[in-house]
C-alpha cells in the first residue's frame, strides 16, 4: 500500500469511527505517523479525502454492477447478479458504505454534486433492470423507482449488521438477499 492509499485507509477508519466532523487532520497524521502539515504534501484537505473515498466507492459499485450484468440478457438473471454484486460489495466494504451514507451531508460542492450524480447513476442501473423485467413480463411492480430503492436498501442495511464471523456466511447472505430482490420485483409471482 502506498502512502496515499494508507492515508485514505486511515481516514476512512477514522471517519467511520469518529465521524468526519470530529476527525482532524492531526488525527489522520498521528495515525499514519506524520505531522498534520506533512499530510498536505499528499492530500489537499480533509474534504478532499472524504470526496475521494466516496467517489471511489461509487465508481467501484458502478464497475461491479456493469461486470455483473455484462454476460447475460435475461432480465431475472441480470437483476439477481446486480443484487448479488451490490450486497457482496456492502458485506466486504462496510466502512465505505457507512461513511458514504452518513457523511454525504459533510460534502461540499462540487464534491457533493459529483457523488450525488454517481449515486443517481447507480440507482438508475437498478431502475433500468427493473424496467427491462417489466417490459419482458417477468417483473410486476407499480414503481420502478421504489423497487430500485428497496433493492439498494438491502445492501446498505446489510452493511450495518453483517460480520464476517457472524451466523451466516457471505455467500449465504448474498444468495438470500438476491432472492429478496427478486421478490421485491414480483419475479415468479
N, C-alpha and C. Protein backbone atom coordinates (compact mmCIF):
# COMPACT_ATOMS: atom_id res chain seq x y z
N UNK A 1 0.86 -1.19 0.00
CA UNK A 1 0.00 0.00 0.00
C UNK A 1 0.90 1.24 0.00
N UNK A 2 0.66 2.12 -0.97
CA UNK A 2 1.48 3.33 -1.00
C UNK A 2 0.99 4.32 0.06
N UNK A 3 1.74 5.39 0.24
CA UNK A 3 1.46 6.36 1.31
C UNK A 3 0.06 6.96 1.19
N UNK A 4 -0.33 7.36 -0.03
CA UNK A 4 -1.65 7.96 -0.22
C UNK A 4 -2.76 6.96 0.08
N UNK A 5 -2.61 5.73 -0.36
CA UNK A 5 -3.61 4.70 -0.05
C UNK A 5 -3.71 4.47 1.46
N UNK A 6 -2.56 4.50 2.11
CA UNK A 6 -2.55 4.33 3.58
C UNK A 6 -3.29 5.49 4.24
N UNK A 7 -3.04 6.70 3.79
CA UNK A 7 -3.72 7.87 4.36
C UNK A 7 -5.23 7.74 4.16
N UNK A 8 -5.66 7.34 2.96
CA UNK A 8 -7.10 7.18 2.69
C UNK A 8 -7.70 6.10 3.59
N UNK A 9 -6.98 4.99 3.76
CA UNK A 9 -7.49 3.90 4.60
C UNK A 9 -7.64 4.35 6.05
N UNK A 10 -6.68 5.09 6.54
CA UNK A 10 -6.75 5.60 7.91
C UNK A 10 -7.89 6.62 8.04
N UNK A 11 -8.01 7.50 7.06
CA UNK A 11 -9.09 8.49 7.10
C UNK A 11 -10.45 7.78 7.11
N UNK A 12 -10.59 6.76 6.28
CA UNK A 12 -11.84 6.01 6.25
C UNK A 12 -12.15 5.41 7.62
N UNK A 13 -11.16 4.81 8.23
CA UNK A 13 -11.34 4.21 9.57
C UNK A 13 -11.77 5.27 10.59
N UNK A 14 -11.12 6.41 10.56
CA UNK A 14 -11.46 7.48 11.50
C UNK A 14 -12.83 8.09 11.20
N UNK A 15 -13.13 8.31 9.92
CA UNK A 15 -14.45 8.85 9.57
C UNK A 15 -15.55 7.89 10.01
N UNK A 16 -15.32 6.60 9.85
CA UNK A 16 -16.33 5.61 10.25
C UNK A 16 -16.46 5.55 11.77
N UNK A 17 -15.35 5.67 12.48
CA UNK A 17 -15.38 5.54 13.94
C UNK A 17 -15.76 6.81 14.68
N UNK A 18 -15.18 7.94 14.29
CA UNK A 18 -15.40 9.19 14.99
C UNK A 18 -16.37 10.12 14.29
N UNK A 19 -16.52 9.93 13.00
CA UNK A 19 -17.29 10.86 12.19
C UNK A 19 -16.36 11.85 11.52
N UNK A 20 -16.79 12.35 10.39
CA UNK A 20 -15.99 13.29 9.61
C UNK A 20 -15.70 14.56 10.41
N UNK A 21 -16.73 15.17 10.98
CA UNK A 21 -16.56 16.45 11.68
C UNK A 21 -15.62 16.32 12.87
N UNK A 22 -15.67 15.20 13.58
CA UNK A 22 -14.84 15.03 14.77
C UNK A 22 -13.40 14.61 14.45
N UNK A 23 -13.15 14.22 13.23
CA UNK A 23 -11.81 13.81 12.82
C UNK A 23 -11.04 15.02 12.33
N UNK A 24 -9.82 15.17 12.82
CA UNK A 24 -8.97 16.28 12.38
C UNK A 24 -7.84 15.76 11.51
N UNK A 25 -7.22 16.65 10.79
CA UNK A 25 -6.04 16.26 10.02
C UNK A 25 -4.93 15.80 10.97
N UNK A 26 -4.88 16.38 12.18
CA UNK A 26 -3.90 15.93 13.16
C UNK A 26 -4.16 14.48 13.56
N UNK A 27 -5.43 14.09 13.69
CA UNK A 27 -5.78 12.70 13.99
C UNK A 27 -5.29 11.77 12.88
N UNK A 28 -5.55 12.16 11.65
CA UNK A 28 -5.14 11.35 10.50
C UNK A 28 -3.61 11.26 10.45
N UNK A 29 -2.95 12.40 10.63
CA UNK A 29 -1.49 12.42 10.63
C UNK A 29 -0.90 11.53 11.71
N UNK A 30 -1.43 11.63 12.91
CA UNK A 30 -0.93 10.80 14.01
C UNK A 30 -1.10 9.32 13.71
N UNK A 31 -2.22 8.96 13.10
CA UNK A 31 -2.49 7.56 12.80
C UNK A 31 -1.59 7.00 11.70
N UNK A 32 -1.10 7.86 10.82
CA UNK A 32 -0.19 7.40 9.76
C UNK A 32 1.27 7.71 10.09
N UNK A 33 1.51 8.31 11.25
CA UNK A 33 2.88 8.56 11.68
C UNK A 33 3.53 9.78 11.06
N UNK A 34 2.74 10.80 10.83
CA UNK A 34 3.32 12.06 10.33
C UNK A 34 2.57 13.23 10.93
N UNK A 35 3.20 14.37 10.92
CA UNK A 35 2.55 15.57 11.43
C UNK A 35 1.52 16.05 10.42
N UNK A 36 0.48 16.68 10.91
CA UNK A 36 -0.61 17.15 10.04
C UNK A 36 -0.12 18.00 8.87
N UNK A 37 0.81 18.95 9.08
CA UNK A 37 1.26 19.74 7.93
C UNK A 37 1.90 18.89 6.83
N UNK A 38 2.53 17.79 7.20
CA UNK A 38 3.14 16.91 6.20
C UNK A 38 2.09 16.20 5.35
N UNK A 39 0.90 16.02 5.90
CA UNK A 39 -0.18 15.38 5.14
C UNK A 39 -0.51 16.16 3.87
N UNK A 40 -0.36 17.47 3.96
CA UNK A 40 -0.74 18.32 2.83
C UNK A 40 0.18 18.14 1.62
N UNK A 41 1.26 17.40 1.78
CA UNK A 41 2.09 17.03 0.63
C UNK A 41 1.41 15.91 -0.16
N UNK A 42 0.48 15.21 0.50
CA UNK A 42 -0.19 14.05 -0.11
C UNK A 42 -1.66 14.30 -0.44
N UNK A 43 -2.32 15.13 0.36
CA UNK A 43 -3.75 15.41 0.16
C UNK A 43 -4.01 16.90 0.33
N UNK A 44 -4.97 17.41 -0.42
CA UNK A 44 -5.27 18.84 -0.37
C UNK A 44 -5.99 19.24 0.92
N UNK A 45 -6.89 18.34 1.40
CA UNK A 45 -7.68 18.68 2.59
C UNK A 45 -8.43 17.45 3.09
N UNK A 46 -8.99 17.59 4.25
CA UNK A 46 -9.83 16.52 4.80
C UNK A 46 -11.06 16.33 3.90
N UNK A 47 -11.60 17.41 3.38
CA UNK A 47 -12.75 17.35 2.47
C UNK A 47 -12.39 16.55 1.22
N UNK A 48 -11.20 16.79 0.71
CA UNK A 48 -10.73 16.07 -0.47
C UNK A 48 -10.63 14.56 -0.18
N UNK A 49 -10.16 14.22 1.00
CA UNK A 49 -10.09 12.80 1.39
C UNK A 49 -11.48 12.17 1.41
N UNK A 50 -12.43 12.85 2.03
CA UNK A 50 -13.79 12.32 2.09
C UNK A 50 -14.36 12.17 0.68
N UNK A 51 -14.17 13.16 -0.15
CA UNK A 51 -14.68 13.10 -1.53
C UNK A 51 -14.05 11.95 -2.30
N UNK A 52 -12.76 11.75 -2.14
CA UNK A 52 -12.07 10.66 -2.83
C UNK A 52 -12.60 9.31 -2.38
N UNK A 53 -12.81 9.16 -1.09
CA UNK A 53 -13.33 7.90 -0.55
C UNK A 53 -14.72 7.63 -1.11
N UNK A 54 -15.57 8.63 -1.08
CA UNK A 54 -16.96 8.43 -1.51
C UNK A 54 -17.05 8.25 -3.02
N UNK A 55 -16.24 8.98 -3.78
CA UNK A 55 -16.24 8.83 -5.23
C UNK A 55 -15.71 7.45 -5.62
N UNK A 56 -14.65 7.01 -4.99
CA UNK A 56 -14.10 5.68 -5.28
C UNK A 56 -15.12 4.60 -4.97
N UNK A 57 -15.83 4.74 -3.88
CA UNK A 57 -16.86 3.76 -3.52
C UNK A 57 -17.92 3.67 -4.61
N UNK A 58 -18.41 4.80 -5.06
CA UNK A 58 -19.45 4.78 -6.09
C UNK A 58 -18.92 4.24 -7.42
N UNK A 59 -17.70 4.56 -7.76
CA UNK A 59 -17.12 4.03 -9.01
C UNK A 59 -16.95 2.52 -8.93
N UNK A 60 -16.54 2.03 -7.76
CA UNK A 60 -16.40 0.58 -7.58
C UNK A 60 -17.76 -0.12 -7.68
N UNK A 61 -18.79 0.48 -7.09
CA UNK A 61 -20.14 -0.09 -7.19
C UNK A 61 -20.62 -0.11 -8.63
N UNK A 62 -20.40 0.96 -9.35
CA UNK A 62 -20.82 1.01 -10.76
C UNK A 62 -20.07 -0.03 -11.59
N UNK A 63 -18.78 -0.18 -11.36
CA UNK A 63 -18.00 -1.17 -12.11
C UNK A 63 -18.46 -2.58 -11.78
N UNK A 64 -18.73 -2.84 -10.52
CA UNK A 64 -19.21 -4.18 -10.11
C UNK A 64 -20.57 -4.47 -10.74
N UNK A 65 -21.43 -3.47 -10.80
CA UNK A 65 -22.74 -3.65 -11.41
C UNK A 65 -22.60 -3.97 -12.89
N UNK A 66 -21.79 -3.21 -13.59
CA UNK A 66 -21.62 -3.43 -15.03
C UNK A 66 -21.05 -4.82 -15.31
N UNK A 67 -20.07 -5.23 -14.52
CA UNK A 67 -19.48 -6.56 -14.71
C UNK A 67 -20.49 -7.65 -14.41
N UNK A 68 -21.32 -7.44 -13.42
CA UNK A 68 -22.29 -8.46 -13.01
C UNK A 68 -23.32 -8.75 -14.08
N UNK A 69 -23.74 -7.72 -14.80
CA UNK A 69 -24.82 -7.90 -15.77
C UNK A 69 -24.33 -8.08 -17.21
N UNK A 70 -23.04 -8.01 -17.41
CA UNK A 70 -22.49 -7.98 -18.76
C UNK A 70 -22.65 -9.26 -19.56
N UNK A 71 -22.79 -10.38 -18.90
CA UNK A 71 -22.72 -11.65 -19.64
C UNK A 71 -24.06 -12.36 -19.80
N UNK A 72 -25.15 -11.66 -19.53
CA UNK A 72 -26.47 -12.26 -19.74
C UNK A 72 -27.47 -11.20 -20.17
N UNK A 73 -28.44 -11.61 -20.96
CA UNK A 73 -29.51 -10.72 -21.39
C UNK A 73 -30.80 -10.99 -20.63
N UNK A 74 -30.84 -12.08 -19.89
CA UNK A 74 -32.04 -12.46 -19.15
C UNK A 74 -32.32 -11.47 -18.02
N UNK A 75 -33.49 -10.81 -18.02
CA UNK A 75 -33.77 -9.78 -17.01
C UNK A 75 -33.72 -10.30 -15.57
N UNK A 76 -34.21 -11.50 -15.34
CA UNK A 76 -34.19 -12.05 -13.98
C UNK A 76 -32.75 -12.28 -13.54
N UNK A 77 -31.96 -12.89 -14.39
CA UNK A 77 -30.57 -13.18 -14.04
C UNK A 77 -29.76 -11.90 -13.91
N UNK A 78 -30.04 -10.91 -14.74
CA UNK A 78 -29.32 -9.63 -14.63
C UNK A 78 -29.60 -8.96 -13.29
N UNK A 79 -30.87 -8.95 -12.88
CA UNK A 79 -31.20 -8.33 -11.59
C UNK A 79 -30.59 -9.14 -10.45
N UNK A 80 -30.66 -10.46 -10.54
CA UNK A 80 -30.07 -11.30 -9.50
C UNK A 80 -28.58 -10.98 -9.36
N UNK A 81 -27.87 -10.95 -10.48
CA UNK A 81 -26.43 -10.71 -10.45
C UNK A 81 -26.10 -9.29 -9.93
N UNK A 82 -26.88 -8.32 -10.34
CA UNK A 82 -26.66 -6.95 -9.87
C UNK A 82 -26.89 -6.87 -8.36
N UNK A 83 -27.94 -7.51 -7.88
CA UNK A 83 -28.22 -7.51 -6.44
C UNK A 83 -27.11 -8.24 -5.68
N UNK A 84 -26.65 -9.35 -6.23
CA UNK A 84 -25.56 -10.09 -5.60
C UNK A 84 -24.30 -9.22 -5.50
N UNK A 85 -23.94 -8.54 -6.58
CA UNK A 85 -22.75 -7.68 -6.58
C UNK A 85 -22.92 -6.55 -5.57
N UNK A 86 -24.11 -5.99 -5.52
CA UNK A 86 -24.40 -4.89 -4.59
C UNK A 86 -24.26 -5.35 -3.14
N UNK A 87 -24.87 -6.47 -2.83
CA UNK A 87 -24.83 -6.98 -1.45
C UNK A 87 -23.41 -7.42 -1.09
N UNK A 88 -22.74 -8.10 -1.99
CA UNK A 88 -21.37 -8.56 -1.71
C UNK A 88 -20.45 -7.37 -1.45
N UNK A 89 -20.59 -6.32 -2.25
CA UNK A 89 -19.76 -5.13 -2.03
C UNK A 89 -20.00 -4.58 -0.63
N UNK A 90 -21.25 -4.47 -0.24
CA UNK A 90 -21.57 -3.91 1.07
C UNK A 90 -21.13 -4.82 2.22
N UNK A 91 -21.12 -6.12 1.99
CA UNK A 91 -20.62 -7.04 3.02
C UNK A 91 -19.10 -6.88 3.19
N UNK A 92 -18.43 -6.62 2.11
CA UNK A 92 -16.96 -6.53 2.14
C UNK A 92 -16.44 -5.12 2.42
N UNK A 93 -17.28 -4.13 2.23
CA UNK A 93 -16.84 -2.73 2.38
C UNK A 93 -17.82 -1.98 3.28
N UNK A 94 -17.98 -2.48 4.48
CA UNK A 94 -18.96 -1.90 5.40
C UNK A 94 -18.60 -0.46 5.80
N UNK A 95 -17.33 -0.20 6.01
CA UNK A 95 -16.94 1.17 6.41
C UNK A 95 -17.25 2.16 5.29
N UNK A 96 -16.92 1.78 4.05
CA UNK A 96 -17.19 2.68 2.93
C UNK A 96 -18.69 2.96 2.82
N UNK A 97 -19.50 1.90 3.00
CA UNK A 97 -20.95 2.07 2.94
C UNK A 97 -21.44 2.98 4.07
N UNK A 98 -20.92 2.76 5.25
CA UNK A 98 -21.33 3.55 6.40
C UNK A 98 -20.98 5.03 6.20
N UNK A 99 -19.73 5.28 5.82
CA UNK A 99 -19.30 6.66 5.59
C UNK A 99 -20.06 7.27 4.43
N UNK A 100 -20.27 6.50 3.37
CA UNK A 100 -20.99 7.01 2.21
C UNK A 100 -22.41 7.43 2.52
N UNK A 101 -23.05 6.72 3.43
CA UNK A 101 -24.42 7.07 3.80
C UNK A 101 -24.47 8.17 4.85
N UNK A 102 -23.61 8.08 5.84
CA UNK A 102 -23.68 9.04 6.94
C UNK A 102 -23.07 10.40 6.59
N UNK A 103 -22.01 10.40 5.82
CA UNK A 103 -21.26 11.64 5.63
C UNK A 103 -21.59 12.39 4.35
N UNK A 104 -22.59 11.98 3.61
CA UNK A 104 -22.97 12.74 2.41
C UNK A 104 -23.28 14.18 2.80
N UNK A 105 -23.79 14.36 4.00
CA UNK A 105 -24.12 15.70 4.49
C UNK A 105 -22.88 16.56 4.70
N UNK A 106 -21.71 15.92 4.85
CA UNK A 106 -20.48 16.65 5.12
C UNK A 106 -19.76 17.11 3.86
N UNK A 107 -20.17 16.59 2.72
CA UNK A 107 -19.54 17.01 1.47
C UNK A 107 -20.01 18.40 1.07
N UNK A 108 -19.10 19.17 0.53
CA UNK A 108 -19.44 20.49 -0.01
C UNK A 108 -19.27 20.43 -1.52
N UNK A 109 -19.82 21.41 -2.20
CA UNK A 109 -19.72 21.47 -3.66
C UNK A 109 -18.28 21.80 -4.07
N UNK A 110 -17.81 21.26 -5.14
CA UNK A 110 -18.51 20.46 -6.14
C UNK A 110 -18.54 18.96 -5.82
N UNK A 111 -17.91 18.57 -4.72
CA UNK A 111 -17.83 17.15 -4.37
C UNK A 111 -19.20 16.53 -4.15
N UNK A 112 -20.04 17.24 -3.43
CA UNK A 112 -21.38 16.69 -3.13
C UNK A 112 -22.15 16.39 -4.42
N UNK A 113 -22.13 17.32 -5.34
CA UNK A 113 -22.83 17.12 -6.61
C UNK A 113 -22.29 15.94 -7.39
N UNK A 114 -20.97 15.78 -7.40
CA UNK A 114 -20.36 14.65 -8.12
C UNK A 114 -20.78 13.32 -7.52
N UNK A 115 -20.74 13.24 -6.20
CA UNK A 115 -21.12 11.99 -5.53
C UNK A 115 -22.62 11.72 -5.72
N UNK A 116 -23.42 12.74 -5.61
CA UNK A 116 -24.87 12.55 -5.82
C UNK A 116 -25.16 12.13 -7.26
N UNK A 117 -24.42 12.66 -8.22
CA UNK A 117 -24.59 12.23 -9.61
C UNK A 117 -24.24 10.76 -9.78
N UNK A 118 -23.16 10.32 -9.15
CA UNK A 118 -22.76 8.91 -9.23
C UNK A 118 -23.80 8.02 -8.55
N UNK A 119 -24.34 8.49 -7.43
CA UNK A 119 -25.38 7.71 -6.74
C UNK A 119 -26.63 7.60 -7.61
N UNK A 120 -26.99 8.69 -8.27
CA UNK A 120 -28.16 8.66 -9.16
C UNK A 120 -27.91 7.72 -10.33
N UNK A 121 -26.71 7.73 -10.87
CA UNK A 121 -26.36 6.83 -11.97
C UNK A 121 -26.48 5.37 -11.51
N UNK A 122 -26.02 5.09 -10.30
CA UNK A 122 -26.09 3.73 -9.77
C UNK A 122 -27.54 3.29 -9.57
N UNK A 123 -28.34 4.15 -9.00
CA UNK A 123 -29.76 3.82 -8.82
C UNK A 123 -30.43 3.59 -10.16
N UNK A 124 -30.08 4.39 -11.15
CA UNK A 124 -30.65 4.23 -12.49
C UNK A 124 -30.32 2.86 -13.07
N UNK A 125 -29.13 2.35 -12.79
CA UNK A 125 -28.78 0.99 -13.26
C UNK A 125 -29.82 -0.02 -12.77
N UNK A 126 -30.20 0.07 -11.52
CA UNK A 126 -31.19 -0.86 -10.96
C UNK A 126 -32.58 -0.57 -11.53
N UNK A 127 -32.91 0.70 -11.65
CA UNK A 127 -34.23 1.04 -12.19
C UNK A 127 -34.39 0.51 -13.61
N UNK A 128 -33.32 0.62 -14.41
CA UNK A 128 -33.39 0.12 -15.78
C UNK A 128 -33.51 -1.40 -15.82
N UNK A 129 -32.87 -2.09 -14.88
CA UNK A 129 -33.03 -3.55 -14.79
C UNK A 129 -34.47 -3.91 -14.46
N UNK A 130 -35.06 -3.17 -13.54
CA UNK A 130 -36.47 -3.41 -13.18
C UNK A 130 -37.36 -3.12 -14.38
N UNK A 131 -37.11 -2.02 -15.05
CA UNK A 131 -37.91 -1.63 -16.23
C UNK A 131 -37.83 -2.72 -17.31
N UNK A 132 -36.64 -3.25 -17.53
CA UNK A 132 -36.47 -4.30 -18.55
C UNK A 132 -37.24 -5.56 -18.16
N UNK A 133 -37.26 -5.89 -16.89
CA UNK A 133 -38.01 -7.06 -16.43
C UNK A 133 -39.51 -6.86 -16.56
N UNK A 134 -39.97 -5.65 -16.32
CA UNK A 134 -41.40 -5.34 -16.51
C UNK A 134 -41.75 -5.47 -17.99
N UNK A 135 -40.91 -4.89 -18.84
CA UNK A 135 -41.16 -4.94 -20.29
C UNK A 135 -41.17 -6.38 -20.80
N UNK A 136 -40.35 -7.25 -20.20
CA UNK A 136 -40.30 -8.65 -20.61
C UNK A 136 -41.42 -9.47 -19.99
N UNK A 137 -42.18 -8.85 -19.09
CA UNK A 137 -43.29 -9.55 -18.45
C UNK A 137 -42.89 -10.49 -17.32
N UNK A 138 -41.66 -10.31 -16.79
CA UNK A 138 -41.21 -11.20 -15.71
C UNK A 138 -41.17 -10.52 -14.35
N UNK A 139 -41.37 -9.19 -14.30
CA UNK A 139 -41.46 -8.46 -13.04
C UNK A 139 -42.80 -7.75 -12.99
N UNK A 140 -43.30 -7.60 -11.76
CA UNK A 140 -44.58 -6.94 -11.59
C UNK A 140 -44.49 -5.98 -10.40
N UNK A 141 -44.24 -4.71 -10.70
CA UNK A 141 -44.21 -3.67 -9.66
C UNK A 141 -44.90 -2.43 -10.20
N UNK A 142 -45.41 -1.62 -9.32
CA UNK A 142 -46.07 -0.39 -9.76
C UNK A 142 -45.10 0.79 -9.86
N UNK A 143 -43.95 0.71 -9.17
CA UNK A 143 -42.98 1.80 -9.22
C UNK A 143 -41.58 1.23 -9.39
N UNK A 144 -41.00 1.49 -10.55
CA UNK A 144 -39.62 1.07 -10.80
C UNK A 144 -38.67 1.72 -9.81
N UNK A 145 -38.91 3.00 -9.55
CA UNK A 145 -38.04 3.75 -8.64
C UNK A 145 -38.08 3.17 -7.22
N UNK A 146 -39.28 2.93 -6.70
CA UNK A 146 -39.38 2.39 -5.35
C UNK A 146 -38.77 0.99 -5.26
N UNK A 147 -38.97 0.19 -6.30
CA UNK A 147 -38.36 -1.15 -6.31
C UNK A 147 -36.84 -1.04 -6.30
N UNK A 148 -36.30 -0.13 -7.09
CA UNK A 148 -34.83 0.01 -7.11
C UNK A 148 -34.32 0.52 -5.76
N UNK A 149 -35.03 1.46 -5.14
CA UNK A 149 -34.63 1.93 -3.81
C UNK A 149 -34.65 0.79 -2.79
N UNK A 150 -35.68 -0.02 -2.83
CA UNK A 150 -35.78 -1.14 -1.88
C UNK A 150 -34.63 -2.12 -2.06
N UNK A 151 -34.28 -2.39 -3.31
CA UNK A 151 -33.16 -3.31 -3.57
C UNK A 151 -31.85 -2.69 -3.08
N UNK A 152 -31.65 -1.41 -3.33
CA UNK A 152 -30.45 -0.74 -2.86
C UNK A 152 -30.38 -0.76 -1.33
N UNK A 153 -31.51 -0.61 -0.67
CA UNK A 153 -31.54 -0.65 0.79
C UNK A 153 -31.08 -2.00 1.34
N UNK A 154 -31.25 -3.06 0.58
CA UNK A 154 -30.79 -4.37 1.04
C UNK A 154 -29.30 -4.33 1.36
N UNK A 155 -28.52 -3.81 0.45
CA UNK A 155 -27.07 -3.75 0.67
C UNK A 155 -26.70 -2.75 1.74
N UNK A 156 -27.32 -1.59 1.70
CA UNK A 156 -26.97 -0.55 2.66
C UNK A 156 -27.32 -0.98 4.07
N UNK A 157 -28.44 -1.66 4.24
CA UNK A 157 -28.82 -2.15 5.56
C UNK A 157 -27.88 -3.23 6.04
N UNK A 158 -27.49 -4.11 5.14
CA UNK A 158 -26.59 -5.21 5.49
C UNK A 158 -25.27 -4.68 6.04
N UNK A 159 -24.79 -3.58 5.49
CA UNK A 159 -23.52 -3.02 5.94
C UNK A 159 -23.54 -2.67 7.42
N UNK A 160 -24.71 -2.42 7.97
CA UNK A 160 -24.83 -2.05 9.38
C UNK A 160 -24.72 -3.24 10.32
N UNK A 161 -25.10 -4.43 9.87
CA UNK A 161 -25.14 -5.56 10.80
C UNK A 161 -24.24 -6.73 10.43
N UNK A 162 -23.87 -6.87 9.18
CA UNK A 162 -23.13 -8.06 8.75
C UNK A 162 -21.72 -8.10 9.35
N UNK A 163 -21.31 -9.29 9.77
CA UNK A 163 -19.96 -9.53 10.27
C UNK A 163 -19.42 -10.80 9.63
N UNK A 164 -18.15 -10.79 9.27
CA UNK A 164 -17.52 -11.95 8.64
C UNK A 164 -17.64 -13.21 9.49
N UNK A 165 -17.58 -13.04 10.79
CA UNK A 165 -17.62 -14.18 11.69
C UNK A 165 -19.03 -14.41 12.27
N UNK A 166 -20.03 -13.85 11.61
CA UNK A 166 -21.41 -13.95 12.09
C UNK A 166 -22.06 -15.30 11.78
N UNK A 167 -23.32 -15.37 12.06
CA UNK A 167 -24.10 -16.60 11.91
C UNK A 167 -24.17 -17.08 10.46
N UNK A 168 -24.22 -16.15 9.52
CA UNK A 168 -24.39 -16.51 8.12
C UNK A 168 -23.14 -16.14 7.31
N UNK A 169 -22.74 -17.02 6.40
CA UNK A 169 -21.59 -16.73 5.54
C UNK A 169 -21.98 -15.63 4.54
N UNK A 170 -20.96 -15.02 3.99
CA UNK A 170 -21.19 -14.00 2.97
C UNK A 170 -21.99 -14.58 1.81
N UNK A 171 -21.60 -15.75 1.33
CA UNK A 171 -22.30 -16.36 0.20
C UNK A 171 -23.76 -16.64 0.51
N UNK A 172 -24.04 -17.10 1.73
CA UNK A 172 -25.42 -17.39 2.11
C UNK A 172 -26.25 -16.11 2.14
N UNK A 173 -25.68 -15.05 2.68
CA UNK A 173 -26.39 -13.77 2.74
C UNK A 173 -26.60 -13.21 1.34
N UNK A 174 -25.57 -13.27 0.51
CA UNK A 174 -25.68 -12.76 -0.86
C UNK A 174 -26.78 -13.49 -1.60
N UNK A 175 -26.81 -14.82 -1.49
CA UNK A 175 -27.84 -15.60 -2.18
C UNK A 175 -29.24 -15.23 -1.67
N UNK A 176 -29.42 -15.21 -0.35
CA UNK A 176 -30.74 -14.92 0.21
C UNK A 176 -31.19 -13.52 -0.17
N UNK A 177 -30.30 -12.55 -0.11
CA UNK A 177 -30.66 -11.19 -0.45
C UNK A 177 -30.99 -11.05 -1.93
N UNK A 178 -30.34 -11.81 -2.78
CA UNK A 178 -30.70 -11.76 -4.21
C UNK A 178 -32.10 -12.32 -4.41
N UNK A 179 -32.46 -13.31 -3.62
CA UNK A 179 -33.83 -13.83 -3.65
C UNK A 179 -34.82 -12.76 -3.18
N UNK A 180 -34.45 -12.03 -2.13
CA UNK A 180 -35.31 -10.93 -1.66
C UNK A 180 -35.50 -9.89 -2.76
N UNK A 181 -34.41 -9.58 -3.47
CA UNK A 181 -34.51 -8.58 -4.56
C UNK A 181 -35.49 -9.03 -5.62
N UNK A 182 -35.45 -10.30 -5.97
CA UNK A 182 -36.38 -10.81 -6.98
C UNK A 182 -37.81 -10.80 -6.46
N UNK A 183 -38.00 -11.03 -5.19
CA UNK A 183 -39.36 -10.96 -4.61
C UNK A 183 -39.87 -9.53 -4.62
N UNK A 184 -38.98 -8.56 -4.39
CA UNK A 184 -39.39 -7.16 -4.41
C UNK A 184 -40.02 -6.81 -5.75
N UNK A 185 -39.48 -7.35 -6.84
CA UNK A 185 -39.99 -7.02 -8.16
C UNK A 185 -41.07 -8.00 -8.63
N UNK A 186 -41.47 -8.90 -7.76
CA UNK A 186 -42.54 -9.84 -8.12
C UNK A 186 -42.12 -10.90 -9.11
N UNK A 187 -40.85 -11.24 -9.12
CA UNK A 187 -40.39 -12.28 -10.05
C UNK A 187 -40.95 -13.62 -9.64
N UNK A 188 -41.60 -14.28 -10.59
CA UNK A 188 -42.16 -15.60 -10.33
C UNK A 188 -43.55 -15.57 -9.74
N UNK A 189 -44.08 -14.36 -9.49
CA UNK A 189 -45.45 -14.27 -8.93
C UNK A 189 -46.48 -14.68 -9.96
